[in-house]
Amino acid sequence: MIALIEDIQAIYRQDPACRNIEILLYPSLHVITVHRYVIHPLYHLGVPFFPRLFSQLMRFLTGIEIHPGAKIGPGFFCDHGCGVVIGETAVIGRNCTMYHAVTLGGTGKQQKKRHPTIGNDVFIGHGATIIGPVTVGSNSKIGAQTVIVNRDIPENCTVVGSPPRIIKRNGKKVNLPLPVSHYRQLDQEREKKAELIVTGGGVTKSGISNFDNVSNQM
């Protein structure tokens, strides 16, 4: 039951919108409780069929798919949850937080380790995909929409992009993203296109979009 208490504490700690007994409505709490105390134990006892049946039921109820064989440490929180997939040989450490549409997928069809191992205190942003028997080190952050395939991530890192790159390690920036000037240019393009929409600029007589003309000029 200690793990359940840590799961509850993780929700309160990570989600400021959770203030009271409404925590009982969180799909993350539903799925991890059933997985931890029913599905996973039955799977390791070798009980056929029922672990997968209960896993499928929780998938339909919560939108979170956790294979019965996945090992998940205490303090787990899956915010929103929709579209999350955690594979059979995945291992997740303590105090892991992930958002919707995260995939911890496998490579190959062999009956061996083929899914990621996630360390302690790891944050995984929405839409991130981590594939293969890789290791994500403790205290690391995986940015939204990041794709990691068969590449280990060191501890204490912030990783973004596809292909992924480390932008912070041990609290220090190591590979800055696009310069600020580039973002300013993108903002100017968006503002110009917005002006065209407001003034009725859409498609010219030649059939060429004014938006394309603006982009080409810039």
N, C-alpha and C. Protein backbone atom coordinates (compact mmCIF):
# COMPACT_ATOMS: atom_id res chain seq x y z
N MET A 1 0.81 -1.21 0.00
CA MET A 1 0.00 0.00 0.00
C MET A 1 0.85 1.26 0.00
N ILE A 2 2.12 1.12 0.37
CA ILE A 2 3.00 2.30 0.37
C ILE A 2 3.12 2.87 -1.03
N ALA A 3 3.20 1.99 -2.03
CA ALA A 3 3.30 2.45 -3.42
C ALA A 3 2.06 3.24 -3.82
N LEU A 4 0.88 2.80 -3.38
CA LEU A 4 -0.36 3.51 -3.68
C LEU A 4 -0.34 4.90 -3.08
N ILE A 5 0.14 5.00 -1.85
CA ILE A 5 0.23 6.32 -1.20
C ILE A 5 1.15 7.24 -1.99
N GLU A 6 2.27 6.70 -2.47
CA GLU A 6 3.20 7.51 -3.25
C GLU A 6 2.60 7.91 -4.59
N ASP A 7 1.78 7.03 -5.18
CA ASP A 7 1.08 7.38 -6.43
C ASP A 7 0.14 8.56 -6.19
N ILE A 8 -0.58 8.53 -5.09
CA ILE A 8 -1.50 9.62 -4.75
C ILE A 8 -0.74 10.91 -4.49
N GLN A 9 0.35 10.81 -3.76
CA GLN A 9 1.17 11.99 -3.48
C GLN A 9 1.74 12.59 -4.76
N ALA A 10 2.08 11.73 -5.72
CA ALA A 10 2.63 12.22 -6.99
C ALA A 10 1.61 13.04 -7.75
N ILE A 11 0.35 12.61 -7.72
CA ILE A 11 -0.70 13.37 -8.42
C ILE A 11 -0.87 14.74 -7.79
N TYR A 12 -0.96 14.78 -6.47
CA TYR A 12 -1.10 16.07 -5.79
C TYR A 12 0.11 16.97 -6.04
N ARG A 13 1.28 16.36 -6.09
CA ARG A 13 2.51 17.14 -6.27
C ARG A 13 2.64 17.68 -7.69
N GLN A 14 2.24 16.91 -8.68
CA GLN A 14 2.47 17.27 -10.07
C GLN A 14 1.32 18.04 -10.72
N ASP A 15 0.12 17.91 -10.19
CA ASP A 15 -1.03 18.55 -10.82
C ASP A 15 -1.70 19.54 -9.87
N PRO A 16 -1.47 20.84 -10.08
CA PRO A 16 -2.07 21.85 -9.19
C PRO A 16 -3.59 21.90 -9.29
N ALA A 17 -4.16 21.31 -10.35
CA ALA A 17 -5.62 21.29 -10.50
C ALA A 17 -6.28 20.28 -9.58
N CYS A 18 -5.49 19.39 -9.01
CA CYS A 18 -6.03 18.37 -8.11
C CYS A 18 -5.94 18.88 -6.67
N ARG A 19 -7.09 19.14 -6.05
CA ARG A 19 -7.09 19.80 -4.75
C ARG A 19 -7.76 18.97 -3.64
N ASN A 20 -8.57 18.01 -3.99
CA ASN A 20 -9.32 17.32 -2.94
C ASN A 20 -9.64 15.88 -3.36
N ILE A 21 -10.79 15.41 -2.93
CA ILE A 21 -11.18 14.02 -3.17
C ILE A 21 -11.39 13.70 -4.64
N GLU A 22 -11.39 14.72 -5.50
CA GLU A 22 -11.54 14.49 -6.94
C GLU A 22 -10.38 13.67 -7.51
N ILE A 23 -9.34 13.48 -6.70
CA ILE A 23 -8.24 12.63 -7.13
C ILE A 23 -8.73 11.22 -7.46
N LEU A 24 -9.84 10.82 -6.85
CA LEU A 24 -10.40 9.49 -7.09
C LEU A 24 -10.91 9.33 -8.51
N LEU A 25 -11.02 10.43 -9.24
CA LEU A 25 -11.50 10.39 -10.62
C LEU A 25 -10.37 10.32 -11.64
N TYR A 26 -9.12 10.36 -11.18
CA TYR A 26 -7.99 10.41 -12.10
C TYR A 26 -7.74 9.05 -12.74
N PRO A 27 -7.72 8.98 -14.08
CA PRO A 27 -7.49 7.70 -14.75
C PRO A 27 -6.13 7.10 -14.42
N SER A 28 -5.14 7.96 -14.16
CA SER A 28 -3.81 7.45 -13.81
C SER A 28 -3.86 6.61 -12.55
N LEU A 29 -4.61 7.10 -11.57
CA LEU A 29 -4.72 6.36 -10.31
C LEU A 29 -5.47 5.05 -10.51
N HIS A 30 -6.49 5.07 -11.34
CA HIS A 30 -7.26 3.85 -11.62
C HIS A 30 -6.36 2.77 -12.23
N VAL A 31 -5.66 3.15 -13.31
CA VAL A 31 -4.92 2.15 -14.07
C VAL A 31 -3.72 1.62 -13.30
N ILE A 32 -3.00 2.50 -12.58
CA ILE A 32 -1.80 2.03 -11.89
C ILE A 32 -2.18 1.17 -10.68
N THR A 33 -3.31 1.47 -10.04
CA THR A 33 -3.74 0.67 -8.90
C THR A 33 -4.10 -0.75 -9.33
N VAL A 34 -4.88 -0.86 -10.40
CA VAL A 34 -5.27 -2.18 -10.89
C VAL A 34 -4.06 -2.93 -11.45
N HIS A 35 -3.19 -2.22 -12.15
CA HIS A 35 -1.98 -2.87 -12.69
C HIS A 35 -1.09 -3.37 -11.56
N ARG A 36 -0.88 -2.53 -10.58
CA ARG A 36 0.09 -2.86 -9.53
C ARG A 36 -0.39 -3.99 -8.62
N TYR A 37 -1.68 -4.02 -8.31
CA TYR A 37 -2.16 -4.95 -7.29
C TYR A 37 -2.98 -6.11 -7.85
N VAL A 38 -3.31 -6.07 -9.14
CA VAL A 38 -4.09 -7.17 -9.72
C VAL A 38 -3.41 -7.74 -10.96
N ILE A 39 -3.24 -6.91 -11.97
CA ILE A 39 -2.78 -7.40 -13.27
C ILE A 39 -1.35 -7.93 -13.22
N HIS A 40 -0.42 -7.12 -12.72
CA HIS A 40 0.99 -7.52 -12.71
C HIS A 40 1.24 -8.76 -11.85
N PRO A 41 0.68 -8.85 -10.64
CA PRO A 41 0.87 -10.08 -9.86
C PRO A 41 0.31 -11.33 -10.54
N LEU A 42 -0.88 -11.21 -11.15
CA LEU A 42 -1.44 -12.37 -11.86
C LEU A 42 -0.55 -12.80 -13.01
N TYR A 43 0.02 -11.82 -13.71
CA TYR A 43 0.90 -12.11 -14.84
C TYR A 43 2.11 -12.91 -14.38
N HIS A 44 2.70 -12.52 -13.26
CA HIS A 44 3.90 -13.21 -12.79
C HIS A 44 3.59 -14.54 -12.11
N LEU A 45 2.35 -14.75 -11.76
CA LEU A 45 1.93 -16.06 -11.26
C LEU A 45 1.67 -17.03 -12.40
N GLY A 46 1.71 -16.51 -13.63
CA GLY A 46 1.49 -17.35 -14.79
C GLY A 46 0.03 -17.61 -15.10
N VAL A 47 -0.86 -16.81 -14.52
CA VAL A 47 -2.29 -16.97 -14.79
C VAL A 47 -2.57 -16.58 -16.24
N PRO A 48 -3.18 -17.45 -17.02
CA PRO A 48 -3.43 -17.13 -18.43
C PRO A 48 -4.65 -16.23 -18.62
N PHE A 49 -4.66 -15.52 -19.71
CA PHE A 49 -5.81 -14.78 -20.22
C PHE A 49 -6.24 -13.58 -19.37
N PHE A 50 -6.46 -13.78 -18.08
CA PHE A 50 -7.07 -12.74 -17.27
C PHE A 50 -6.21 -11.47 -17.13
N PRO A 51 -4.89 -11.58 -16.99
CA PRO A 51 -4.10 -10.34 -16.95
C PRO A 51 -4.31 -9.48 -18.20
N ARG A 52 -4.32 -10.10 -19.38
CA ARG A 52 -4.54 -9.35 -20.61
C ARG A 52 -5.97 -8.82 -20.69
N LEU A 53 -6.92 -9.60 -20.20
CA LEU A 53 -8.32 -9.16 -20.20
C LEU A 53 -8.47 -7.91 -19.34
N PHE A 54 -7.93 -7.94 -18.13
CA PHE A 54 -8.04 -6.78 -17.24
C PHE A 54 -7.27 -5.59 -17.80
N SER A 55 -6.13 -5.86 -18.44
CA SER A 55 -5.36 -4.79 -19.07
C SER A 55 -6.16 -4.11 -20.16
N GLN A 56 -6.85 -4.90 -20.97
CA GLN A 56 -7.68 -4.34 -22.03
C GLN A 56 -8.85 -3.54 -21.46
N LEU A 57 -9.45 -4.03 -20.40
CA LEU A 57 -10.55 -3.30 -19.77
C LEU A 57 -10.08 -1.93 -19.27
N MET A 58 -8.90 -1.89 -18.65
CA MET A 58 -8.37 -0.63 -18.16
C MET A 58 -8.00 0.30 -19.31
N ARG A 59 -7.58 -0.29 -20.41
CA ARG A 59 -7.29 0.51 -21.60
C ARG A 59 -8.56 1.20 -22.09
N PHE A 60 -9.64 0.46 -22.16
CA PHE A 60 -10.91 1.04 -22.62
C PHE A 60 -11.42 2.10 -21.66
N LEU A 61 -11.22 1.88 -20.36
CA LEU A 61 -11.75 2.79 -19.35
C LEU A 61 -10.91 4.05 -19.19
N THR A 62 -9.60 3.95 -19.40
CA THR A 62 -8.71 5.08 -19.09
C THR A 62 -7.96 5.64 -20.29
N GLY A 63 -7.87 4.86 -21.38
CA GLY A 63 -7.07 5.30 -22.52
C GLY A 63 -5.59 5.04 -22.34
N ILE A 64 -5.23 4.36 -21.25
CA ILE A 64 -3.83 4.06 -20.94
C ILE A 64 -3.61 2.56 -21.10
N GLU A 65 -2.68 2.18 -21.98
CA GLU A 65 -2.41 0.76 -22.24
C GLU A 65 -1.09 0.37 -21.59
N ILE A 66 -1.18 -0.46 -20.57
CA ILE A 66 0.02 -0.96 -19.89
C ILE A 66 0.01 -2.48 -20.01
N HIS A 67 1.05 -3.03 -20.60
CA HIS A 67 1.14 -4.48 -20.71
C HIS A 67 1.28 -5.07 -19.31
N PRO A 68 0.66 -6.22 -19.05
CA PRO A 68 0.73 -6.83 -17.72
C PRO A 68 2.16 -7.06 -17.22
N GLY A 69 3.11 -7.23 -18.14
CA GLY A 69 4.48 -7.51 -17.71
C GLY A 69 5.30 -6.29 -17.34
N ALA A 70 4.82 -5.09 -17.63
CA ALA A 70 5.58 -3.88 -17.36
C ALA A 70 5.77 -3.68 -15.86
N LYS A 71 6.99 -3.27 -15.48
CA LYS A 71 7.32 -3.03 -14.07
C LYS A 71 7.34 -1.52 -13.83
N ILE A 72 6.51 -1.06 -12.90
CA ILE A 72 6.37 0.37 -12.66
C ILE A 72 6.57 0.67 -11.18
N GLY A 73 7.48 1.57 -10.88
CA GLY A 73 7.79 1.93 -9.51
C GLY A 73 6.74 2.84 -8.90
N PRO A 74 6.84 3.09 -7.60
CA PRO A 74 5.88 3.95 -6.91
C PRO A 74 6.03 5.41 -7.32
N GLY A 75 4.98 6.19 -7.08
CA GLY A 75 5.01 7.60 -7.44
C GLY A 75 4.77 7.84 -8.90
N PHE A 76 4.10 6.91 -9.58
CA PHE A 76 3.84 7.03 -11.01
C PHE A 76 2.63 7.94 -11.25
N PHE A 77 2.77 8.86 -12.21
CA PHE A 77 1.65 9.73 -12.58
C PHE A 77 1.61 9.91 -14.08
N CYS A 78 0.48 9.55 -14.67
CA CYS A 78 0.27 9.71 -16.11
C CYS A 78 -0.83 10.75 -16.30
N ASP A 79 -0.45 12.00 -16.51
CA ASP A 79 -1.42 13.09 -16.60
C ASP A 79 -2.20 13.00 -17.91
N HIS A 80 -3.50 13.14 -17.83
CA HIS A 80 -4.44 13.03 -18.96
C HIS A 80 -4.54 11.58 -19.45
N GLY A 81 -3.40 11.00 -19.85
CA GLY A 81 -3.38 9.57 -20.10
C GLY A 81 -3.72 9.08 -21.48
N CYS A 82 -4.55 9.79 -22.22
CA CYS A 82 -5.04 9.26 -23.49
C CYS A 82 -3.90 8.89 -24.43
N GLY A 83 -3.96 7.68 -24.98
CA GLY A 83 -2.99 7.27 -25.99
C GLY A 83 -1.66 6.80 -25.46
N VAL A 84 -1.52 6.61 -24.16
CA VAL A 84 -0.25 6.14 -23.59
C VAL A 84 -0.12 4.63 -23.81
N VAL A 85 1.08 4.21 -24.22
CA VAL A 85 1.37 2.78 -24.44
C VAL A 85 2.67 2.43 -23.72
N ILE A 86 2.62 1.43 -22.86
CA ILE A 86 3.80 0.96 -22.12
C ILE A 86 3.94 -0.53 -22.37
N GLY A 87 5.06 -0.92 -22.99
CA GLY A 87 5.23 -2.29 -23.45
C GLY A 87 5.62 -3.30 -22.38
N GLU A 88 5.65 -4.56 -22.79
CA GLU A 88 5.80 -5.69 -21.88
C GLU A 88 7.06 -5.64 -21.02
N THR A 89 8.21 -5.37 -21.62
CA THR A 89 9.46 -5.43 -20.87
C THR A 89 9.93 -4.06 -20.40
N ALA A 90 9.04 -3.07 -20.45
CA ALA A 90 9.38 -1.74 -19.96
C ALA A 90 9.55 -1.77 -18.44
N VAL A 91 10.51 -0.98 -17.97
CA VAL A 91 10.74 -0.82 -16.54
C VAL A 91 10.76 0.67 -16.24
N ILE A 92 9.96 1.09 -15.28
CA ILE A 92 9.86 2.51 -14.92
C ILE A 92 10.20 2.66 -13.45
N GLY A 93 11.12 3.57 -13.14
CA GLY A 93 11.56 3.78 -11.77
C GLY A 93 10.57 4.59 -10.94
N ARG A 94 11.05 5.10 -9.83
CA ARG A 94 10.21 5.86 -8.90
C ARG A 94 9.93 7.26 -9.43
N ASN A 95 8.75 7.76 -9.09
CA ASN A 95 8.38 9.16 -9.34
C ASN A 95 8.52 9.56 -10.80
N CYS A 96 8.01 8.74 -11.67
CA CYS A 96 8.01 9.07 -13.10
C CYS A 96 6.69 9.76 -13.45
N THR A 97 6.79 10.86 -14.19
CA THR A 97 5.61 11.58 -14.67
C THR A 97 5.62 11.60 -16.18
N MET A 98 4.50 11.24 -16.79
CA MET A 98 4.40 11.30 -18.24
C MET A 98 3.05 11.87 -18.64
N TYR A 99 3.01 12.44 -19.83
CA TYR A 99 1.78 13.04 -20.34
C TYR A 99 1.16 12.15 -21.42
N HIS A 100 0.08 12.64 -22.01
CA HIS A 100 -0.68 11.84 -22.96
C HIS A 100 0.13 11.52 -24.22
N ALA A 101 -0.25 10.44 -24.88
CA ALA A 101 0.32 10.00 -26.16
C ALA A 101 1.79 9.61 -26.07
N VAL A 102 2.26 9.25 -24.90
CA VAL A 102 3.63 8.75 -24.75
C VAL A 102 3.66 7.27 -25.11
N THR A 103 4.72 6.86 -25.82
CA THR A 103 4.90 5.45 -26.18
C THR A 103 6.24 4.95 -25.68
N LEU A 104 6.21 3.89 -24.90
CA LEU A 104 7.43 3.15 -24.54
C LEU A 104 7.35 1.83 -25.30
N GLY A 105 7.88 1.84 -26.51
CA GLY A 105 7.70 0.72 -27.42
C GLY A 105 8.91 -0.18 -27.53
N GLY A 106 8.73 -1.29 -28.21
CA GLY A 106 9.80 -2.27 -28.34
C GLY A 106 10.30 -2.42 -29.75
N THR A 107 11.45 -3.05 -29.88
CA THR A 107 12.02 -3.39 -31.18
C THR A 107 12.26 -4.89 -31.22
N GLY A 108 12.00 -5.48 -32.38
CA GLY A 108 12.21 -6.92 -32.53
C GLY A 108 11.06 -7.74 -31.98
N LYS A 109 11.12 -9.04 -32.30
CA LYS A 109 10.06 -9.95 -31.88
C LYS A 109 10.58 -11.03 -30.93
N GLN A 110 11.82 -10.87 -30.47
CA GLN A 110 12.39 -11.87 -29.59
C GLN A 110 11.77 -11.76 -28.20
N GLN A 111 11.73 -12.90 -27.51
CA GLN A 111 11.22 -12.94 -26.15
C GLN A 111 12.33 -12.54 -25.18
N LYS A 112 12.69 -11.28 -25.24
CA LYS A 112 13.73 -10.77 -24.35
C LYS A 112 13.49 -9.29 -24.14
N LYS A 113 14.41 -8.64 -23.44
CA LYS A 113 14.27 -7.22 -23.17
C LYS A 113 14.26 -6.44 -24.48
N ARG A 114 13.18 -5.70 -24.74
CA ARG A 114 13.07 -4.96 -25.99
C ARG A 114 12.37 -3.61 -25.82
N HIS A 115 12.08 -3.25 -24.56
CA HIS A 115 11.43 -1.97 -24.27
C HIS A 115 12.32 -1.13 -23.36
N PRO A 116 12.02 0.16 -23.24
CA PRO A 116 12.89 1.06 -22.47
C PRO A 116 12.91 0.78 -20.97
N THR A 117 14.00 1.21 -20.36
CA THR A 117 14.12 1.27 -18.91
C THR A 117 14.22 2.74 -18.52
N ILE A 118 13.30 3.20 -17.71
CA ILE A 118 13.23 4.60 -17.31
C ILE A 118 13.70 4.72 -15.87
N GLY A 119 14.63 5.63 -15.61
CA GLY A 119 15.16 5.80 -14.27
C GLY A 119 14.19 6.48 -13.32
N ASN A 120 14.72 6.90 -12.17
CA ASN A 120 13.90 7.58 -11.17
C ASN A 120 13.75 9.06 -11.49
N ASP A 121 12.61 9.63 -11.09
CA ASP A 121 12.37 11.08 -11.21
C ASP A 121 12.53 11.56 -12.65
N VAL A 122 11.94 10.85 -13.57
CA VAL A 122 12.01 11.21 -14.99
C VAL A 122 10.68 11.83 -15.43
N PHE A 123 10.77 12.88 -16.23
CA PHE A 123 9.59 13.54 -16.81
C PHE A 123 9.58 13.28 -18.31
N ILE A 124 8.42 12.83 -18.84
CA ILE A 124 8.29 12.55 -20.27
C ILE A 124 7.12 13.36 -20.81
N GLY A 125 7.40 14.30 -21.72
CA GLY A 125 6.38 15.18 -22.25
C GLY A 125 5.45 14.49 -23.23
N HIS A 126 4.35 15.16 -23.54
CA HIS A 126 3.30 14.54 -24.36
C HIS A 126 3.80 14.21 -25.77
N GLY A 127 3.36 13.08 -26.27
CA GLY A 127 3.72 12.67 -27.62
C GLY A 127 5.12 12.13 -27.78
N ALA A 128 5.88 12.03 -26.69
CA ALA A 128 7.24 11.50 -26.80
C ALA A 128 7.19 10.00 -27.10
N THR A 129 8.15 9.55 -27.91
CA THR A 129 8.24 8.14 -28.28
C THR A 129 9.64 7.63 -27.96
N ILE A 130 9.71 6.59 -27.15
CA ILE A 130 10.99 5.99 -26.77
C ILE A 130 10.92 4.51 -27.16
N ILE A 131 11.78 4.11 -28.07
CA ILE A 131 11.71 2.77 -28.66
C ILE A 131 12.99 1.99 -28.42
N GLY A 132 12.83 0.72 -28.06
CA GLY A 132 13.97 -0.17 -27.93
C GLY A 132 14.42 -0.34 -26.49
N PRO A 133 15.38 -1.26 -26.26
CA PRO A 133 15.87 -1.55 -24.91
C PRO A 133 16.88 -0.50 -24.43
N VAL A 134 16.46 0.75 -24.48
CA VAL A 134 17.34 1.86 -24.11
C VAL A 134 17.15 2.18 -22.63
N THR A 135 18.06 2.98 -22.11
CA THR A 135 17.98 3.43 -20.73
C THR A 135 17.90 4.95 -20.70
N VAL A 136 16.90 5.46 -20.02
CA VAL A 136 16.79 6.89 -19.78
C VAL A 136 17.21 7.13 -18.34
N GLY A 137 18.30 7.87 -18.16
CA GLY A 137 18.87 8.06 -16.84
C GLY A 137 17.96 8.83 -15.89
N SER A 138 18.21 8.64 -14.61
CA SER A 138 17.40 9.31 -13.59
C SER A 138 17.52 10.83 -13.68
N ASN A 139 16.49 11.51 -13.22
CA ASN A 139 16.43 12.98 -13.17
C ASN A 139 16.51 13.62 -14.54
N SER A 140 16.09 12.91 -15.57
CA SER A 140 16.11 13.46 -16.92
C SER A 140 14.71 13.89 -17.35
N LYS A 141 14.67 14.78 -18.35
CA LYS A 141 13.41 15.26 -18.91
C LYS A 141 13.41 15.02 -20.41
N ILE A 142 12.34 14.43 -20.90
CA ILE A 142 12.19 14.17 -22.33
C ILE A 142 11.11 15.12 -22.85
N GLY A 143 11.47 15.99 -23.78
CA GLY A 143 10.54 17.00 -24.26
C GLY A 143 9.40 16.43 -25.09
N ALA A 144 8.36 17.23 -25.24
CA ALA A 144 7.20 16.83 -26.03
C ALA A 144 7.60 16.51 -27.46
N GLN A 145 7.01 15.45 -28.01
CA GLN A 145 7.22 15.02 -29.40
C GLN A 145 8.65 14.53 -29.69
N THR A 146 9.44 14.34 -28.67
CA THR A 146 10.79 13.81 -28.88
C THR A 146 10.72 12.34 -29.27
N VAL A 147 11.58 11.94 -30.20
CA VAL A 147 11.63 10.54 -30.65
C VAL A 147 13.02 9.98 -30.36
N ILE A 148 13.06 8.93 -29.57
CA ILE A 148 14.33 8.28 -29.19
C ILE A 148 14.25 6.82 -29.61
N VAL A 149 15.15 6.41 -30.48
CA VAL A 149 15.17 5.03 -30.96
C VAL A 149 16.55 4.43 -30.72
N ASN A 150 16.60 3.42 -29.85
CA ASN A 150 17.85 2.69 -29.57
C ASN A 150 19.01 3.60 -29.21
N ARG A 151 18.73 4.61 -28.40
CA ARG A 151 19.78 5.52 -27.93
C ARG A 151 19.59 5.76 -26.44
N ASP A 152 20.64 5.50 -25.65
CA ASP A 152 20.57 5.74 -24.22
C ASP A 152 20.65 7.23 -23.92
N ILE A 153 19.99 7.64 -22.85
CA ILE A 153 20.00 9.02 -22.40
C ILE A 153 20.67 9.07 -21.03
N PRO A 154 21.71 9.89 -20.86
CA PRO A 154 22.40 9.96 -19.57
C PRO A 154 21.51 10.54 -18.47
N GLU A 155 21.98 10.45 -17.26
CA GLU A 155 21.26 11.05 -16.13
C GLU A 155 21.34 12.57 -16.19
N ASN A 156 20.38 13.21 -15.52
CA ASN A 156 20.38 14.67 -15.34
C ASN A 156 20.43 15.43 -16.65
N CYS A 157 19.64 14.98 -17.63
CA CYS A 157 19.64 15.62 -18.95
C CYS A 157 18.24 16.09 -19.33
N THR A 158 18.21 17.10 -20.19
CA THR A 158 16.98 17.49 -20.86
C THR A 158 17.17 17.23 -22.34
N VAL A 159 16.28 16.44 -22.93
CA VAL A 159 16.41 16.00 -24.31
C VAL A 159 15.19 16.44 -25.10
N VAL A 160 15.41 16.98 -26.29
CA VAL A 160 14.30 17.42 -27.14
C VAL A 160 14.57 17.03 -28.59
N GLY A 161 13.51 17.02 -29.39
CA GLY A 161 13.66 16.93 -30.84
C GLY A 161 13.69 15.54 -31.42
N SER A 162 13.72 15.52 -32.75
CA SER A 162 13.84 14.29 -33.52
C SER A 162 14.64 14.61 -34.79
N PRO A 163 15.89 14.16 -34.89
CA PRO A 163 16.59 13.32 -33.92
C PRO A 163 16.83 14.05 -32.60
N PRO A 164 16.89 13.31 -31.51
CA PRO A 164 17.00 13.95 -30.19
C PRO A 164 18.36 14.59 -29.98
N ARG A 165 18.35 15.66 -29.20
CA ARG A 165 19.61 16.29 -28.82
C ARG A 165 19.50 16.74 -27.36
N ILE A 166 20.60 16.69 -26.67
CA ILE A 166 20.64 17.11 -25.27
C ILE A 166 20.85 18.61 -25.23
N ILE A 167 19.94 19.32 -24.59
CA ILE A 167 20.09 20.77 -24.50
C ILE A 167 20.50 21.22 -23.11
N LYS A 168 20.42 20.31 -22.15
CA LYS A 168 20.86 20.67 -20.80
C LYS A 168 21.36 19.41 -20.10
N ARG A 169 22.48 19.56 -19.40
CA ARG A 169 23.03 18.42 -18.65
C ARG A 169 23.63 18.92 -17.35
N ASN A 170 23.22 18.29 -16.26
CA ASN A 170 23.66 18.71 -14.93
C ASN A 170 23.40 20.19 -14.69
N GLY A 171 22.26 20.65 -15.20
CA GLY A 171 21.85 22.03 -14.97
C GLY A 171 22.49 23.05 -15.88
N LYS A 172 23.33 22.63 -16.83
CA LYS A 172 24.01 23.56 -17.72
C LYS A 172 23.59 23.33 -19.17
N LYS A 173 23.38 24.42 -19.91
CA LYS A 173 23.03 24.30 -21.32
C LYS A 173 24.24 23.80 -22.10
N VAL A 174 24.01 22.79 -22.93
CA VAL A 174 25.13 22.21 -23.68
C VAL A 174 24.93 22.29 -25.18
N ASN A 175 23.70 22.54 -25.63
CA ASN A 175 23.45 22.64 -27.07
C ASN A 175 22.20 23.46 -27.28
N LEU A 176 22.37 24.75 -27.43
CA LEU A 176 21.23 25.65 -27.51
C LEU A 176 20.36 25.35 -28.72
N PRO A 177 19.05 25.54 -28.60
CA PRO A 177 18.16 25.37 -29.76
C PRO A 177 18.33 26.52 -30.74
N LEU A 178 17.41 26.64 -31.70
CA LEU A 178 17.49 27.70 -32.69
C LEU A 178 17.63 29.06 -32.02
N PRO A 179 18.43 29.97 -32.61
CA PRO A 179 18.63 31.28 -32.00
C PRO A 179 17.34 32.08 -31.92
N VAL A 180 17.32 33.03 -30.99
CA VAL A 180 16.13 33.85 -30.77
C VAL A 180 15.73 34.60 -32.03
N SER A 181 16.72 35.03 -32.84
CA SER A 181 16.42 35.78 -34.06
C SER A 181 15.55 34.97 -35.01
N HIS A 182 15.75 33.64 -35.03
CA HIS A 182 14.95 32.79 -35.91
C HIS A 182 13.49 32.78 -35.46
N TYR A 183 13.28 32.71 -34.14
CA TYR A 183 11.92 32.74 -33.64
C TYR A 183 11.24 34.06 -33.94
N ARG A 184 12.00 35.16 -33.87
CA ARG A 184 11.44 36.46 -34.20
C ARG A 184 10.99 36.51 -35.65
N GLN A 185 11.80 35.92 -36.54
CA GLN A 185 11.43 35.88 -37.95
C GLN A 185 10.15 35.08 -38.16
N LEU A 186 10.04 33.94 -37.46
CA LEU A 186 8.82 33.14 -37.57
C LEU A 186 7.61 33.91 -37.07
N ASP A 187 7.79 34.67 -35.98
CA ASP A 187 6.69 35.48 -35.46
C ASP A 187 6.25 36.53 -36.46
N GLN A 188 7.24 37.15 -37.14
CA GLN A 188 6.92 38.16 -38.14
C GLN A 188 6.13 37.56 -39.30
N GLU A 189 6.52 36.35 -39.72
CA GLU A 189 5.80 35.68 -40.80
C GLU A 189 4.36 35.38 -40.39
N ARG A 190 4.19 34.90 -39.16
CA ARG A 190 2.84 34.60 -38.69
C ARG A 190 1.98 35.87 -38.64
N GLU A 191 2.58 36.98 -38.17
CA GLU A 191 1.84 38.23 -38.10
C GLU A 191 1.44 38.70 -39.49
N LYS A 192 2.35 38.55 -40.46
CA LYS A 192 2.06 38.97 -41.82
C LYS A 192 0.91 38.15 -42.41
N LYS A 193 0.94 36.84 -42.18
CA LYS A 193 -0.12 35.97 -42.69
C LYS A 193 -1.45 36.29 -42.01
N ALA A 194 -1.38 36.61 -40.71
CA ALA A 194 -2.61 36.97 -39.99
C ALA A 194 -3.22 38.24 -40.57
N GLU A 195 -2.36 39.21 -40.95
CA GLU A 195 -2.85 40.45 -41.54
C GLU A 195 -3.56 40.17 -42.86
N LEU A 196 -3.01 39.24 -43.65
CA LEU A 196 -3.64 38.89 -44.92
C LEU A 196 -5.03 38.30 -44.71
N ILE A 197 -5.15 37.48 -43.67
CA ILE A 197 -6.46 36.89 -43.38
C ILE A 197 -7.46 37.97 -43.00
N VAL A 198 -7.01 38.91 -42.15
CA VAL A 198 -7.90 39.97 -41.69
C VAL A 198 -8.33 40.87 -42.83
N THR A 199 -7.39 41.16 -43.76
CA THR A 199 -7.69 42.07 -44.88
C THR A 199 -8.31 41.37 -46.07
N GLY A 200 -8.54 40.06 -45.94
CA GLY A 200 -9.19 39.32 -47.01
C GLY A 200 -8.24 38.75 -48.03
N GLY A 201 -6.94 38.77 -47.74
CA GLY A 201 -5.97 38.21 -48.68
C GLY A 201 -5.96 36.72 -48.60
N GLY A 202 -6.32 36.06 -49.66
CA GLY A 202 -6.34 34.60 -49.64
C GLY A 202 -5.61 34.05 -50.83
N VAL A 203 -6.30 33.90 -51.95
CA VAL A 203 -5.71 33.35 -53.15
C VAL A 203 -5.82 34.36 -54.27
N THR A 204 -4.74 34.59 -55.01
CA THR A 204 -4.73 35.55 -56.10
C THR A 204 -5.42 34.98 -57.32
N LYS A 205 -5.61 35.83 -58.35
CA LYS A 205 -6.27 35.39 -59.58
C LYS A 205 -5.49 34.28 -60.27
N SER A 206 -4.19 34.28 -60.08
CA SER A 206 -3.37 33.26 -60.71
C SER A 206 -3.46 31.92 -60.00
N GLY A 207 -4.16 31.93 -58.87
CA GLY A 207 -4.31 30.68 -58.13
C GLY A 207 -3.19 30.45 -57.14
N ILE A 208 -2.26 31.40 -57.01
CA ILE A 208 -1.16 31.26 -56.07
C ILE A 208 -1.55 31.94 -54.76
N SER A 209 -1.36 31.25 -53.67
CA SER A 209 -1.73 31.79 -52.38
C SER A 209 -0.88 33.00 -52.04
N ASN A 210 -1.51 34.05 -51.52
CA ASN A 210 -0.77 35.20 -51.04
C ASN A 210 0.16 34.81 -49.90
N PHE A 211 -0.25 33.80 -49.14
CA PHE A 211 0.61 33.34 -48.05
C PHE A 211 1.94 32.84 -48.60
N ASP A 212 1.88 32.11 -49.73
CA ASP A 212 3.10 31.59 -50.33
C ASP A 212 3.96 32.73 -50.83
N ASN A 213 3.32 33.76 -51.41
CA ASN A 213 4.07 34.91 -51.89
C ASN A 213 4.81 35.60 -50.75
N VAL A 214 4.12 35.75 -49.62
CA VAL A 214 4.74 36.39 -48.47
C VAL A 214 5.93 35.59 -47.98
N SER A 215 5.73 34.25 -47.90
CA SER A 215 6.81 33.40 -47.42
C SER A 215 8.01 33.47 -48.35
N ASN A 216 7.76 33.48 -49.68
CA ASN A 216 8.86 33.54 -50.63
C ASN A 216 9.60 34.86 -50.53
N GLN A 217 8.85 35.96 -50.29
CA GLN A 217 9.49 37.26 -50.20
C GLN A 217 10.36 37.35 -48.96
N MET A 218 9.94 36.61 -47.91
CA MET A 218 10.69 36.69 -46.66
C MET A 218 11.85 35.69 -46.67
